[in-house]
Amino acid sequence: MEWIIGALILATVGVVVHGVLGMDWSPLHRRGGLVPLRSDLHAIYHPIAQEIEAHATILGITLNDAFAEREANRGEMAWLVMGLAKGEWERLRELEVGLLNTLANYLPTTNVIVPVRRVSADNFKSQQVMDTVSLYEFLDRVLFSSKQRYSLRLRVLFRTCTLLSKEFRRTCYEGESAQDSSPEVWHRLDLYFHDFDLIAKETLLAFRSLLACQSPEGVREMAADLHDLLDRGVRVSVSASSE
């Protein structure tokens, strides 16, 4: 009981200090969640964003096709199409995890204050993710260091990405094995995609904010690492400025 009271007191103090110091009024928040990027940084950001957004769009279209087959009472075909969606989901997961790992690698060498956008549990729909993000929201309020808060954000994005992928694969396997066309199963798949797509968008926002904080040397090194990430069946390329 004592540790709960202590945690609540710490959380209250954290909220007060955040308000007094104006920690939430960073350039990130003043610009609606987007950190402005110079043209050389945008040349690095855009191909990654384009690749992730393209796979998210393809995944959404494929899932819509599967839902359409299910609504037309073609259950077997619906699960065949869902098999294509599973492959697209996995590629998007690889991109998200790879990008999150890259950001985690460059955070320790970042020597400026990193703008941090708070991830809200209210924006998600699946209960597992809402519970995970709710815990993150509590912890975020008791951390004062921008690096600690940004690191926490990366961890929650990685954890929710992994959790959603596990639940999506499990639901697909069980549903396909039983040829289950019940509304409950397909509703869960719909919620998982909504949250997975949101995690992709939050990951890109995290990428944008850290990229803007890198030194010229860090920018060049990050560009090389991201090129390797996209090099597996990629349609776009990343370039680093010589500035």
Protein backbone atom coordinates (compact mmCIF):
# COMPACT_ATOMS: atom_id res chain seq x y z
CA MET A 1 0.00 0.00 0.00
CA GLU A 2 2.85 2.39 0.86
CA TRP A 3 4.48 2.02 -2.54
CA ILE A 4 1.19 2.85 -4.26
CA ILE A 5 0.83 6.04 -2.21
CA GLY A 6 4.45 6.92 -2.95
CA ALA A 7 3.95 6.39 -6.67
CA LEU A 8 0.84 8.56 -6.69
CA ILE A 9 2.68 11.35 -4.86
CA LEU A 10 5.57 11.10 -7.32
CA ALA A 11 3.18 11.21 -10.26
CA THR A 12 1.47 14.31 -8.84
CA VAL A 13 4.79 16.08 -8.35
CA GLY A 14 5.78 15.13 -11.90
CA VAL A 15 2.61 16.61 -13.39
CA VAL A 16 3.07 19.84 -11.42
CA VAL A 17 6.72 20.20 -12.46
CA HIS A 18 5.87 19.50 -16.09
CA GLY A 19 3.30 22.30 -15.97
CA VAL A 20 5.57 24.77 -14.17
CA LEU A 21 8.51 24.20 -16.49
CA GLY A 22 6.34 24.13 -19.61
CA MET A 23 7.74 20.79 -20.70
CA ASP A 24 4.82 20.04 -22.97
CA TRP A 25 5.23 23.28 -24.94
CA SER A 26 8.09 22.15 -27.15
CA PRO A 27 8.30 23.02 -30.86
CA LEU A 28 6.81 19.59 -31.49
CA HIS A 29 3.55 20.52 -29.78
CA ARG A 30 3.38 24.03 -31.19
CA ARG A 31 3.44 22.63 -34.72
CA GLY A 32 0.71 20.08 -34.29
CA GLY A 33 3.03 17.13 -33.63
CA LEU A 34 5.42 17.65 -36.58
CA VAL A 35 9.01 18.74 -36.11
CA PRO A 36 10.13 20.88 -39.09
CA LEU A 37 12.94 19.35 -41.15
CA ARG A 38 15.55 20.95 -43.37
CA SER A 39 15.62 19.78 -46.97
CA ASP A 40 18.62 17.49 -46.37
CA LEU A 41 16.89 15.84 -43.43
CA HIS A 42 13.64 15.52 -45.34
CA ALA A 43 15.57 13.65 -48.06
CA ILE A 44 16.35 11.02 -45.40
CA TYR A 45 12.96 11.03 -43.71
CA HIS A 46 10.77 10.90 -46.83
CA PRO A 47 11.88 7.52 -48.28
CA ILE A 48 11.38 5.79 -44.91
CA ALA A 49 7.99 7.41 -44.44
CA GLN A 50 7.03 6.58 -48.01
CA GLU A 51 7.97 2.92 -47.58
CA ILE A 52 6.12 2.50 -44.29
CA GLU A 53 3.04 4.36 -45.50
CA ALA A 54 3.00 2.33 -48.73
CA HIS A 55 3.05 -0.98 -46.85
CA ALA A 56 0.41 0.26 -44.41
CA THR A 57 -1.82 1.23 -47.35
CA ILE A 58 -1.32 -2.12 -49.08
CA LEU A 59 -2.06 -3.93 -45.84
CA GLY A 60 -5.26 -1.92 -45.35
CA ILE A 61 -6.44 -2.62 -48.90
CA THR A 62 -5.70 -6.33 -48.56
CA LEU A 63 -7.59 -6.52 -45.27
CA ASN A 64 -10.54 -4.70 -46.84
CA ASP A 65 -10.57 -7.29 -49.62
CA ALA A 66 -10.58 -10.09 -47.03
CA PHE A 67 -13.46 -8.45 -45.17
CA ALA A 68 -15.37 -8.08 -48.43
CA GLU A 69 -14.97 -11.79 -49.19
CA ARG A 70 -16.16 -12.68 -45.71
CA GLU A 71 -19.21 -10.40 -46.02
CA ALA A 72 -20.02 -12.10 -49.33
CA ASN A 73 -20.09 -15.45 -47.47
CA ARG A 74 -16.90 -16.65 -49.19
CA GLY A 75 -15.16 -17.66 -46.00
CA GLU A 76 -12.46 -19.83 -47.54
CA MET A 77 -11.46 -17.09 -49.98
CA ALA A 78 -11.50 -14.55 -47.14
CA TRP A 79 -8.88 -16.52 -45.25
CA LEU A 80 -6.80 -17.00 -48.40
CA VAL A 81 -6.71 -13.22 -48.84
CA MET A 82 -5.90 -12.88 -45.16
CA GLY A 83 -2.82 -15.00 -45.85
CA LEU A 84 -1.60 -12.24 -48.16
CA ALA A 85 -2.31 -9.69 -45.45
CA LYS A 86 -0.17 -11.64 -43.00
CA GLY A 87 2.83 -11.34 -45.30
CA GLU A 88 2.31 -7.60 -45.71
CA TRP A 89 1.86 -7.20 -41.95
CA GLU A 90 5.18 -8.93 -41.34
CA ARG A 91 7.04 -6.66 -43.76
CA LEU A 92 5.57 -3.58 -42.09
CA ARG A 93 6.50 -4.98 -38.68
CA GLU A 94 10.09 -5.48 -39.83
CA LEU A 95 10.27 -1.87 -40.99
CA GLU A 96 8.81 -0.51 -37.76
CA VAL A 97 11.04 -2.61 -35.51
CA GLY A 98 14.11 -1.83 -37.60
CA LEU A 99 13.40 1.90 -37.43
CA LEU A 100 12.75 1.78 -33.68
CA ASN A 101 16.03 -0.09 -33.11
CA THR A 102 17.89 2.51 -35.18
CA LEU A 103 16.39 5.33 -33.14
CA ALA A 104 17.32 3.58 -29.89
CA ASN A 105 20.91 3.26 -31.12
CA TYR A 106 21.24 6.98 -31.87
CA LEU A 107 19.47 8.35 -28.80
CA PRO A 108 22.50 8.04 -26.42
CA THR A 109 24.69 10.19 -28.69
CA THR A 110 22.07 12.93 -29.08
CA ASN A 111 23.28 15.95 -27.10
CA VAL A 112 20.25 18.25 -27.37
CA ILE A 113 16.77 18.18 -25.88
CA VAL A 114 14.63 15.75 -27.90
CA PRO A 115 11.01 16.84 -28.44
CA VAL A 116 8.73 14.11 -27.09
CA ARG A 117 5.14 13.57 -28.16
CA ARG A 118 2.99 11.82 -25.57
CA VAL A 119 1.22 8.69 -26.86
CA SER A 120 -2.37 8.56 -25.61
CA ALA A 121 -4.18 5.32 -24.75
CA ASP A 122 -7.45 6.96 -25.81
CA ASN A 123 -6.34 6.80 -29.45
CA PHE A 124 -6.18 2.99 -29.49
CA LYS A 125 -8.99 0.45 -29.69
CA SER A 126 -7.69 -2.98 -28.65
CA GLN A 127 -7.74 -3.56 -24.91
CA GLN A 128 -4.23 -5.05 -24.72
CA VAL A 129 -2.68 -1.98 -26.30
CA MET A 130 -4.78 0.43 -24.27
CA ASP A 131 -3.58 -1.24 -21.06
CA THR A 132 0.07 -1.10 -22.16
CA VAL A 133 -0.08 2.55 -23.23
CA SER A 134 -1.93 3.52 -20.04
CA LEU A 135 1.02 2.28 -17.99
CA TYR A 136 3.35 4.26 -20.26
CA GLU A 137 1.28 7.41 -19.73
CA PHE A 138 1.68 7.05 -15.96
CA LEU A 139 5.46 6.56 -16.20
CA ASP A 140 5.83 9.43 -18.67
CA ARG A 141 4.49 11.83 -16.06
CA VAL A 142 7.23 11.04 -13.54
CA LEU A 143 10.19 11.36 -15.91
CA PHE A 144 11.79 14.78 -16.36
CA SER A 145 14.63 14.00 -18.78
CA SER A 146 13.70 14.32 -22.45
CA LYS A 147 15.97 11.37 -23.29
CA GLN A 148 14.29 9.18 -20.68
CA ARG A 149 10.85 10.12 -21.92
CA TYR A 150 11.85 9.53 -25.54
CA SER A 151 13.41 6.17 -24.63
CA LEU A 152 10.20 5.22 -22.84
CA ARG A 153 8.23 6.16 -25.93
CA LEU A 154 10.41 3.90 -28.08
CA ARG A 155 9.92 1.03 -25.66
CA VAL A 156 6.14 1.32 -25.63
CA LEU A 157 6.03 1.52 -29.44
CA PHE A 158 8.20 -1.58 -29.73
CA ARG A 159 6.18 -3.44 -27.11
CA THR A 160 2.82 -2.63 -28.67
CA CYS A 161 4.09 -3.45 -32.16
CA THR A 162 5.26 -6.85 -30.93
CA LEU A 163 2.06 -7.46 -28.96
CA LEU A 164 -0.21 -6.60 -31.89
CA SER A 165 1.77 -8.77 -34.30
CA LYS A 166 1.56 -11.72 -31.93
CA GLU A 167 -2.19 -11.31 -31.43
CA PHE A 168 -2.80 -10.80 -35.16
CA ARG A 169 -0.90 -13.98 -36.07
CA ARG A 170 -2.64 -15.97 -33.34
CA THR A 171 -6.10 -14.80 -34.34
CA CYS A 172 -5.40 -15.50 -38.01
CA TYR A 173 -4.13 -19.00 -37.24
CA GLU A 174 -7.08 -19.90 -35.04
CA GLY A 175 -9.62 -18.35 -37.39
CA GLU A 176 -8.20 -19.97 -40.51
CA SER A 177 -7.90 -23.37 -38.84
CA ALA A 178 -11.56 -23.30 -37.85
CA GLN A 179 -12.70 -21.29 -40.91
CA ASP A 180 -14.23 -18.96 -38.34
CA SER A 181 -16.27 -16.16 -39.92
CA SER A 182 -17.81 -14.93 -36.68
CA PRO A 183 -18.10 -11.15 -36.21
CA GLU A 184 -16.04 -11.33 -33.00
CA VAL A 185 -12.94 -12.74 -34.73
CA TRP A 186 -13.05 -10.28 -37.61
CA HIS A 187 -13.78 -7.38 -35.29
CA ARG A 188 -10.59 -8.19 -33.38
CA LEU A 189 -8.60 -8.22 -36.63
CA ASP A 190 -10.05 -4.82 -37.50
CA LEU A 191 -9.01 -3.37 -34.13
CA TYR A 192 -5.52 -4.83 -34.41
CA PHE A 193 -4.98 -3.19 -37.79
CA HIS A 194 -6.25 0.17 -36.54
CA ASP A 195 -3.75 0.13 -33.66
CA PHE A 196 -0.92 -1.26 -35.79
CA ASP A 197 -1.37 1.52 -38.33
CA LEU A 198 -1.38 4.07 -35.51
CA ILE A 199 1.86 2.63 -34.12
CA ALA A 200 3.43 3.05 -37.58
CA LYS A 201 2.42 6.73 -37.62
CA GLU A 202 3.73 7.30 -34.08
CA THR A 203 7.01 5.62 -35.04
CA LEU A 204 7.44 8.02 -37.96
CA LEU A 205 6.79 10.99 -35.66
CA ALA A 206 9.43 9.68 -33.26
CA PHE A 207 11.85 9.27 -36.16
CA ARG A 208 11.22 12.81 -37.35
CA SER A 209 11.87 14.34 -33.93
CA LEU A 210 15.16 12.48 -33.32
CA LEU A 211 16.43 13.05 -36.86
CA ALA A 212 16.09 16.81 -36.34
CA CYS A 213 18.36 16.56 -33.28
CA GLN A 214 21.30 14.80 -34.92
CA SER A 215 24.73 16.28 -35.62
CA PRO A 216 25.93 16.33 -39.27
CA GLU A 217 28.00 13.20 -38.57
CA GLY A 218 25.06 11.52 -36.88
CA VAL A 219 22.85 12.36 -39.86
CA ARG A 220 25.28 10.69 -42.27
CA GLU A 221 25.60 7.58 -40.10
CA MET A 222 21.85 7.29 -39.58
CA ALA A 223 21.23 7.66 -43.31
CA ALA A 224 23.60 4.74 -43.98
CA ASP A 225 21.85 2.55 -41.41
CA LEU A 226 18.43 3.39 -42.80
CA HIS A 227 19.62 2.61 -46.32
CA ASP A 228 20.48 -0.90 -45.09
CA LEU A 229 17.03 -1.18 -43.52
CA LEU A 230 15.32 -0.35 -46.80
CA ASP A 231 17.68 -2.36 -48.94
CA ARG A 232 15.65 -5.56 -48.50
CA GLY A 233 13.24 -5.40 -51.41
CA VAL A 234 13.00 -1.64 -51.28
CA ARG A 235 11.48 0.63 -53.90
CA VAL A 236 13.02 3.90 -52.69
CA SER A 237 16.45 5.10 -51.57
CA VAL A 238 17.90 7.27 -48.81
CA SER A 239 20.52 9.96 -49.38
CA ALA A 240 22.57 11.91 -46.85
CA SER A 241 23.58 15.51 -47.35
CA SER A 242 27.25 16.42 -47.27
CA GLU A 243 26.47 19.41 -45.07
